């Protein structure tokens, strides 16, 4: 088991966080996300990962950001 109680064979669940934002900031993030074809949540995740990486604080065990677009076809 890992430190957060997940077994090795089970995928880790993403953490859910309640985030309070100024409405104008949320609107700006939502517009930016739409421009980049992301959800607002994905945009916030992207920006936090980028900030952590630039600050040298992105944990090595952090999973890579999911790829955008359609999943690869099977077969």
PDB file of N, CA and C in Angstrom:
ATOM      1  N   UNK A   1       0.827  -1.189   0.000  1.00  0.00           N
ATOM      2  CA  UNK A   1       0.000   0.000   0.000  1.00  0.00           C
ATOM      3  C   UNK A   1       0.869   1.249   0.000  1.00  0.00           C
ATOM      4  N   UNK A   2       0.402   2.282  -0.696  1.00  0.00           N
ATOM      5  CA  UNK A   2       1.137   3.539  -0.710  1.00  0.00           C
ATOM      6  C   UNK A   2       0.752   4.366   0.515  1.00  0.00           C
ATOM      7  N   UNK A   3       1.410   5.497   0.669  1.00  0.00           N
ATOM      8  CA  UNK A   3       1.180   6.332   1.850  1.00  0.00           C
ATOM      9  C   UNK A   3      -0.263   6.819   1.953  1.00  0.00           C
ATOM     10  N   UNK A   4      -0.962   6.941   0.815  1.00  0.00           N
ATOM     11  CA  UNK A   4      -2.342   7.440   0.878  1.00  0.00           C
ATOM     12  C   UNK A   4      -3.363   6.320   0.976  1.00  0.00           C
ATOM     13  N   UNK A   5      -2.894   5.076   1.178  1.00  0.00           N
ATOM     14  CA  UNK A   5      -3.812   3.972   1.401  1.00  0.00           C
ATOM     15  C   UNK A   5      -4.231   3.237   0.153  1.00  0.00           C
ATOM     16  N   UNK A   6      -3.729   3.629  -1.004  1.00  0.00           N
ATOM     17  CA  UNK A   6      -4.092   2.957  -2.248  1.00  0.00           C
ATOM     18  C   UNK A   6      -3.218   1.721  -2.424  1.00  0.00           C
ATOM     19  N   UNK A   7      -3.812   0.662  -2.940  1.00  0.00           N
ATOM     20  CA  UNK A   7      -3.058  -0.539  -3.234  1.00  0.00           C
ATOM     21  C   UNK A   7      -2.262  -0.362  -4.510  1.00  0.00           C
ATOM     22  N   UNK A   8      -1.225  -1.166  -4.691  1.00  0.00           N
ATOM     23  CA  UNK A   8      -0.366  -1.035  -5.875  1.00  0.00           C
ATOM     24  C   UNK A   8      -1.126  -1.324  -7.163  1.00  0.00           C
ATOM     25  N   UNK A   9      -2.080  -2.264  -7.145  1.00  0.00           N
ATOM     26  CA  UNK A   9      -2.777  -2.646  -8.355  1.00  0.00           C
ATOM     27  C   UNK A   9      -3.926  -1.735  -8.735  1.00  0.00           C
ATOM     28  N   UNK A  10      -4.296  -0.806  -7.882  1.00  0.00           N
ATOM     29  CA  UNK A  10      -5.442   0.066  -8.142  1.00  0.00           C
ATOM     30  C   UNK A  10      -4.961   1.448  -8.551  1.00  0.00           C
ATOM     31  N   UNK A  11      -5.594   2.045  -9.577  1.00  0.00           N
ATOM     32  CA  UNK A  11      -5.193   3.402  -9.945  1.00  0.00           C
ATOM     33  C   UNK A  11      -5.576   4.385  -8.848  1.00  0.00           C
ATOM     34  N   UNK A  12      -4.738   5.384  -8.643  1.00  0.00           N
ATOM     35  CA  UNK A  12      -5.020   6.392  -7.623  1.00  0.00           C
ATOM     36  C   UNK A  12      -6.134   7.306  -8.107  1.00  0.00           C
ATOM     37  N   UNK A  13      -6.991   7.686  -7.189  1.00  0.00           N
ATOM     38  CA  UNK A  13      -8.054   8.637  -7.498  1.00  0.00           C
ATOM     39  C   UNK A  13      -7.482  10.049  -7.453  1.00  0.00           C
ATOM     40  N   UNK A  14      -7.991  10.911  -8.310  1.00  0.00           N
ATOM     41  CA  UNK A  14      -7.566  12.302  -8.258  1.00  0.00           C
ATOM     42  C   UNK A  14      -8.220  12.954  -7.047  1.00  0.00           C
ATOM     43  N   UNK A  15      -7.520  13.851  -6.411  1.00  0.00           N
ATOM     44  CA  UNK A  15      -8.032  14.550  -5.235  1.00  0.00           C
ATOM     45  C   UNK A  15      -9.059  15.589  -5.658  1.00  0.00           C
ATOM     46  N   UNK A  16     -10.118  15.694  -4.885  1.00  0.00           N
ATOM     47  CA  UNK A  16     -11.124  16.725  -5.122  1.00  0.00           C
ATOM     48  C   UNK A  16     -10.882  17.847  -4.128  1.00  0.00           C
ATOM     49  N   UNK A  17     -10.886  19.085  -4.635  1.00  0.00           N
ATOM     50  CA  UNK A  17     -10.589  20.245  -3.809  1.00  0.00           C
ATOM     51  C   UNK A  17     -11.636  21.315  -4.078  1.00  0.00           C
ATOM     52  N   UNK A  18     -12.184  21.878  -3.031  1.00  0.00           N
ATOM     53  CA  UNK A  18     -13.087  23.013  -3.171  1.00  0.00           C
ATOM     54  C   UNK A  18     -12.218  24.256  -3.306  1.00  0.00           C
ATOM     55  N   UNK A  19     -12.398  24.989  -4.377  1.00  0.00           N
ATOM     56  CA  UNK A  19     -11.578  26.161  -4.644  1.00  0.00           C
ATOM     57  C   UNK A  19     -12.481  27.374  -4.778  1.00  0.00           C
ATOM     58  N   UNK A  20     -12.242  28.358  -3.974  1.00  0.00           N
ATOM     59  CA  UNK A  20     -13.025  29.589  -4.041  1.00  0.00           C
ATOM     60  C   UNK A  20     -12.243  30.612  -4.848  1.00  0.00           C
ATOM     61  N   UNK A  21     -12.852  31.110  -5.906  1.00  0.00           N
ATOM     62  CA  UNK A  21     -12.205  32.087  -6.776  1.00  0.00           C
ATOM     63  C   UNK A  21     -13.070  33.326  -6.910  1.00  0.00           C
ATOM     64  N   UNK A  22     -12.422  34.443  -7.117  1.00  0.00           N
ATOM     65  CA  UNK A  22     -13.123  35.660  -7.471  1.00  0.00           C
ATOM     66  C   UNK A  22     -13.852  35.395  -8.794  1.00  0.00           C
ATOM     67  N   UNK A  23     -15.114  35.801  -8.919  1.00  0.00           N
ATOM     68  CA  UNK A  23     -15.861  35.527 -10.157  1.00  0.00           C
ATOM     69  C   UNK A  23     -15.171  36.026 -11.429  1.00  0.00           C
ATOM     70  N   UNK A  24     -14.513  37.179 -11.357  1.00  0.00           N
ATOM     71  CA  UNK A  24     -13.814  37.703 -12.541  1.00  0.00           C
ATOM     72  C   UNK A  24     -12.632  36.805 -12.909  1.00  0.00           C
ATOM     73  N   UNK A  25     -11.925  36.289 -11.902  1.00  0.00           N
ATOM     74  CA  UNK A  25     -10.819  35.360 -12.178  1.00  0.00           C
ATOM     75  C   UNK A  25     -11.344  34.077 -12.791  1.00  0.00           C
ATOM     76  N   UNK A  26     -12.459  33.570 -12.267  1.00  0.00           N
ATOM     77  CA  UNK A  26     -13.037  32.344 -12.816  1.00  0.00           C
ATOM     78  C   UNK A  26     -13.433  32.548 -14.275  1.00  0.00           C
ATOM     79  N   UNK A  27     -14.065  33.676 -14.565  1.00  0.00           N
ATOM     80  CA  UNK A  27     -14.473  33.970 -15.939  1.00  0.00           C
ATOM     81  C   UNK A  27     -13.258  34.043 -16.869  1.00  0.00           C
ATOM     82  N   UNK A  28     -12.194  34.673 -16.400  1.00  0.00           N
ATOM     83  CA  UNK A  28     -10.974  34.777 -17.209  1.00  0.00           C
ATOM     84  C   UNK A  28     -10.364  33.401 -17.442  1.00  0.00           C
ATOM     85  N   UNK A  29     -10.336  32.561 -16.399  1.00  0.00           N
ATOM     86  CA  UNK A  29      -9.818  31.201 -16.547  1.00  0.00           C
ATOM     87  C   UNK A  29     -10.678  30.380 -17.502  1.00  0.00           C
ATOM     88  N   UNK A  30     -11.984  30.529 -17.404  1.00  0.00           N
ATOM     89  CA  UNK A  30     -12.896  29.785 -18.274  1.00  0.00           C
ATOM     90  C   UNK A  30     -12.708  30.194 -19.737  1.00  0.00           C
ATOM     91  N   UNK A  31     -12.527  31.493 -19.991  1.00  0.00           N
ATOM     92  CA  UNK A  31     -12.286  31.954 -21.368  1.00  0.00           C
ATOM     93  C   UNK A  31     -10.954  31.414 -21.887  1.00  0.00           C
ATOM     94  N   UNK A  32      -9.917  31.467 -21.043  1.00  0.00           N
ATOM     95  CA  UNK A  32      -8.596  30.967 -21.425  1.00  0.00           C
ATOM     96  C   UNK A  32      -8.681  29.469 -21.723  1.00  0.00           C
ATOM     97  N   UNK A  33      -9.371  28.746 -20.865  1.00  0.00           N
ATOM     98  CA  UNK A  33      -9.540  27.301 -21.067  1.00  0.00           C
ATOM     99  C   UNK A  33     -10.249  27.020 -22.391  1.00  0.00           C
ATOM    100  N   UNK A  34     -11.293  27.756 -22.676  1.00  0.00           N
ATOM    101  CA  UNK A  34     -12.034  27.555 -23.928  1.00  0.00           C
ATOM    102  C   UNK A  34     -11.145  27.839 -25.137  1.00  0.00           C
ATOM    103  N   UNK A  35     -10.308  28.872 -25.039  1.00  0.00           N
ATOM    104  CA  UNK A  35      -9.383  29.193 -26.133  1.00  0.00           C
ATOM    105  C   UNK A  35      -8.418  28.037 -26.408  1.00  0.00           C
ATOM    106  N   UNK A  36      -8.080  27.276 -25.364  1.00  0.00           N
ATOM    107  CA  UNK A  36      -7.127  26.172 -25.498  1.00  0.00           C
ATOM    108  C   UNK A  36      -7.822  24.810 -25.535  1.00  0.00           C
ATOM    109  N   UNK A  37      -9.152  24.843 -25.712  1.00  0.00           N
ATOM    110  CA  UNK A  37      -9.961  23.616 -25.811  1.00  0.00           C
ATOM    111  C   UNK A  37      -9.794  22.710 -24.595  1.00  0.00           C
ATOM    112  N   UNK A  38      -9.780  23.319 -23.414  1.00  0.00           N
ATOM    113  CA  UNK A  38      -9.710  22.587 -22.158  1.00  0.00           C
ATOM    114  C   UNK A  38     -10.922  22.961 -21.313  1.00  0.00           C
ATOM    115  N   UNK A  39     -11.228  22.114 -20.345  1.00  0.00           N
ATOM    116  CA  UNK A  39     -12.208  22.498 -19.334  1.00  0.00           C
ATOM    117  C   UNK A  39     -11.525  23.468 -18.371  1.00  0.00           C
ATOM    118  N   UNK A  40     -12.317  24.188 -17.618  1.00  0.00           N
ATOM    119  CA  UNK A  40     -11.740  25.098 -16.626  1.00  0.00           C
ATOM    120  C   UNK A  40     -10.909  24.317 -15.616  1.00  0.00           C
ATOM    121  N   UNK A  41     -11.406  23.156 -15.195  1.00  0.00           N
ATOM    122  CA  UNK A  41     -10.668  22.334 -14.246  1.00  0.00           C
ATOM    123  C   UNK A  41      -9.317  21.897 -14.832  1.00  0.00           C
ATOM    124  N   UNK A  42      -9.318  21.454 -16.084  1.00  0.00           N
ATOM    125  CA  UNK A  42      -8.072  21.026 -16.729  1.00  0.00           C
ATOM    126  C   UNK A  42      -7.102  22.202 -16.876  1.00  0.00           C
ATOM    127  N   UNK A  43      -7.629  23.389 -17.121  1.00  0.00           N
ATOM    128  CA  UNK A  43      -6.773  24.572 -17.249  1.00  0.00           C
ATOM    129  C   UNK A  43      -6.108  24.890 -15.927  1.00  0.00           C
ATOM    130  N   UNK A  44      -6.863  24.825 -14.835  1.00  0.00           N
ATOM    131  CA  UNK A  44      -6.287  25.085 -13.513  1.00  0.00           C
ATOM    132  C   UNK A  44      -5.216  24.046 -13.205  1.00  0.00           C
ATOM    133  N   UNK A  45      -5.491  22.765 -13.498  1.00  0.00           N
ATOM    134  CA  UNK A  45      -4.512  21.699 -13.275  1.00  0.00           C
ATOM    135  C   UNK A  45      -3.251  21.959 -14.094  1.00  0.00           C
ATOM    136  N   UNK A  46      -3.417  22.320 -15.370  1.00  0.00           N
ATOM    137  CA  UNK A  46      -2.290  22.617 -16.250  1.00  0.00           C
ATOM    138  C   UNK A  46      -1.435  23.757 -15.688  1.00  0.00           C
ATOM    139  N   UNK A  47      -2.093  24.834 -15.265  1.00  0.00           N
ATOM    140  CA  UNK A  47      -1.365  25.998 -14.758  1.00  0.00           C
ATOM    141  C   UNK A  47      -0.637  25.688 -13.449  1.00  0.00           C
ATOM    142  N   UNK A  48      -1.274  24.914 -12.580  1.00  0.00           N
ATOM    143  CA  UNK A  48      -0.608  24.550 -11.324  1.00  0.00           C
ATOM    144  C   UNK A  48       0.601  23.659 -11.582  1.00  0.00           C
ATOM    145  N   UNK A  49       0.463  22.690 -12.493  1.00  0.00           N
ATOM    146  CA  UNK A  49       1.605  21.833 -12.834  1.00  0.00           C
ATOM    147  C   UNK A  49       2.759  22.654 -13.407  1.00  0.00           C
ATOM    148  N   UNK A  50       2.425  23.589 -14.309  1.00  0.00           N
ATOM    149  CA  UNK A  50       3.459  24.417 -14.924  1.00  0.00           C
ATOM    150  C   UNK A  50       4.165  25.277 -13.876  1.00  0.00           C
ATOM    151  N   UNK A  51       3.391  25.851 -12.954  1.00  0.00           N
ATOM    152  CA  UNK A  51       3.984  26.676 -11.905  1.00  0.00           C
ATOM    153  C   UNK A  51       4.879  25.843 -10.984  1.00  0.00           C
ATOM    154  N   UNK A  52       4.418  24.647 -10.620  1.00  0.00           N
ATOM    155  CA  UNK A  52       5.241  23.776  -9.773  1.00  0.00           C
ATOM    156  C   UNK A  52       6.537  23.381 -10.482  1.00  0.00           C
ATOM    157  N   UNK A  53       6.437  23.062 -11.764  1.00  0.00           N
ATOM    158  CA  UNK A  53       7.625  22.672 -12.528  1.00  0.00           C
ATOM    159  C   UNK A  53       8.616  23.832 -12.616  1.00  0.00           C
ATOM    160  N   UNK A  54       8.120  25.026 -12.934  1.00  0.00           N
ATOM    161  CA  UNK A  54       8.993  26.195 -13.047  1.00  0.00           C
ATOM    162  C   UNK A  54       9.662  26.534 -11.721  1.00  0.00           C
ATOM    163  N   UNK A  55       8.976  26.253 -10.613  1.00  0.00           N
ATOM    164  CA  UNK A  55       9.535  26.531  -9.288  1.00  0.00           C
ATOM    165  C   UNK A  55      10.424  25.392  -8.786  1.00  0.00           C
ATOM    166  N   UNK A  56      10.529  24.323  -9.589  1.00  0.00           N
ATOM    167  CA  UNK A  56      11.327  23.174  -9.164  1.00  0.00           C
ATOM    168  C   UNK A  56      10.680  22.385  -8.048  1.00  0.00           C
ATOM    169  N   UNK A  57       9.359  22.434  -7.964  1.00  0.00           N
ATOM    170  CA  UNK A  57       8.632  21.781  -6.873  1.00  0.00           C
ATOM    171  C   UNK A  57       7.674  20.700  -7.338  1.00  0.00           C
ATOM    172  N   UNK A  58       7.679  20.361  -8.618  1.00  0.00           N
ATOM    173  CA  UNK A  58       6.794  19.309  -9.113  1.00  0.00           C
ATOM    174  C   UNK A  58       7.313  17.968  -8.608  1.00  0.00           C
ATOM    175  N   UNK A  59       6.510  17.222  -7.848  1.00  0.00           N
ATOM    176  CA  UNK A  59       6.981  15.939  -7.311  1.00  0.00           C
ATOM    177  C   UNK A  59       7.297  14.953  -8.428  1.00  0.00           C
ATOM    178  N   UNK A  60       8.355  14.181  -8.239  1.00  0.00           N
ATOM    179  CA  UNK A  60       8.749  13.179  -9.231  1.00  0.00           C
ATOM    180  C   UNK A  60       7.673  12.131  -9.424  1.00  0.00           C
ATOM    181  N   UNK A  61       6.911  11.842  -8.373  1.00  0.00           N
ATOM    182  CA  UNK A  61       5.887  10.808  -8.457  1.00  0.00           C
ATOM    183  C   UNK A  61       4.565  11.315  -9.047  1.00  0.00           C
ATOM    184  N   UNK A  62       4.496  12.599  -9.395  1.00  0.00           N
ATOM    185  CA  UNK A  62       3.270  13.136  -9.999  1.00  0.00           C
ATOM    186  C   UNK A  62       3.072  12.504 -11.367  1.00  0.00           C
ATOM    187  N   UNK A  63       1.848  12.036 -11.597  1.00  0.00           N
ATOM    188  CA  UNK A  63       1.535  11.442 -12.895  1.00  0.00           C
ATOM    189  C   UNK A  63       1.585  12.522 -13.966  1.00  0.00           C
ATOM    190  N   UNK A  64       1.960  12.160 -15.190  1.00  0.00           N
ATOM    191  CA  UNK A  64       1.971  13.171 -16.248  1.00  0.00           C
ATOM    192  C   UNK A  64       0.563  13.671 -16.526  1.00  0.00           C
ATOM    193  N   UNK A  65       0.493  14.877 -17.050  1.00  0.00           N
ATOM    194  CA  UNK A  65      -0.807  15.466 -17.390  1.00  0.00           C
ATOM    195  C   UNK A  65      -1.434  14.636 -18.505  1.00  0.00           C
ATOM    196  N   UNK A  66      -2.723  14.310 -18.393  1.00  0.00           N
ATOM    197  CA  UNK A  66      -3.369  13.525 -19.455  1.00  0.00           C
ATOM    198  C   UNK A  66      -3.266  14.244 -20.798  1.00  0.00           C
ATOM    199  N   UNK A  67      -3.062  13.472 -21.851  1.00  0.00           N
ATOM    200  CA  UNK A  67      -2.959  14.050 -23.190  1.00  0.00           C
ATOM    201  C   UNK A  67      -4.307  14.588 -23.630  1.00  0.00           C
ATOM    202  N   UNK A  68      -4.266  15.662 -24.393  1.00  0.00           N
ATOM    203  CA  UNK A  68      -5.493  16.245 -24.930  1.00  0.00           C
ATOM    204  C   UNK A  68      -5.923  15.488 -26.167  1.00  0.00           C
ATOM    205  N   UNK A  69      -7.186  15.623 -26.508  1.00  0.00           N
ATOM    206  CA  UNK A  69      -7.710  15.029 -27.730  1.00  0.00           C
ATOM    207  C   UNK A  69      -8.332  13.672 -27.511  1.00  0.00           C
ATOM    208  N   UNK A  70      -8.632  13.022 -28.609  1.00  0.00           N
ATOM    209  CA  UNK A  70      -9.288  11.714 -28.552  1.00  0.00           C
ATOM    210  C   UNK A  70      -8.312  10.637 -28.108  1.00  0.00           C
ATOM    211  N   UNK A  71      -8.812   9.660 -27.366  1.00  0.00           N
ATOM    212  CA  UNK A  71      -7.936   8.545 -27.012  1.00  0.00           C
ATOM    213  C   UNK A  71      -7.584   7.739 -28.253  1.00  0.00           C
ATOM    214  N   UNK A  72      -6.434   7.035 -28.234  1.00  0.00           N
ATOM    215  CA  UNK A  72      -6.075   6.237 -29.405  1.00  0.00           C
ATOM    216  C   UNK A  72      -7.116   5.155 -29.679  1.00  0.00           C
ATOM    217  N   UNK A  73      -7.328   4.846 -30.959  1.00  0.00           N
ATOM    218  CA  UNK A  73      -8.307   3.826 -31.316  1.00  0.00           C
ATOM    219  C   UNK A  73      -7.771   2.454 -30.972  1.00  0.00           C
ATOM    220  N   UNK A  74      -8.676   1.575 -30.606  1.00  0.00           N
ATOM    221  CA  UNK A  74      -8.301   0.212 -30.276  1.00  0.00           C
ATOM    222  C   UNK A  74      -8.295  -0.626 -31.548  1.00  0.00           C
ATOM    223  N   UNK A  75      -7.158  -1.245 -31.822  1.00  0.00           N
ATOM    224  CA  UNK A  75      -7.101  -2.160 -32.954  1.00  0.00           C
ATOM    225  C   UNK A  75      -6.529  -1.541 -34.115  1.00  0.00           C
TER     226      UNK A  75
END
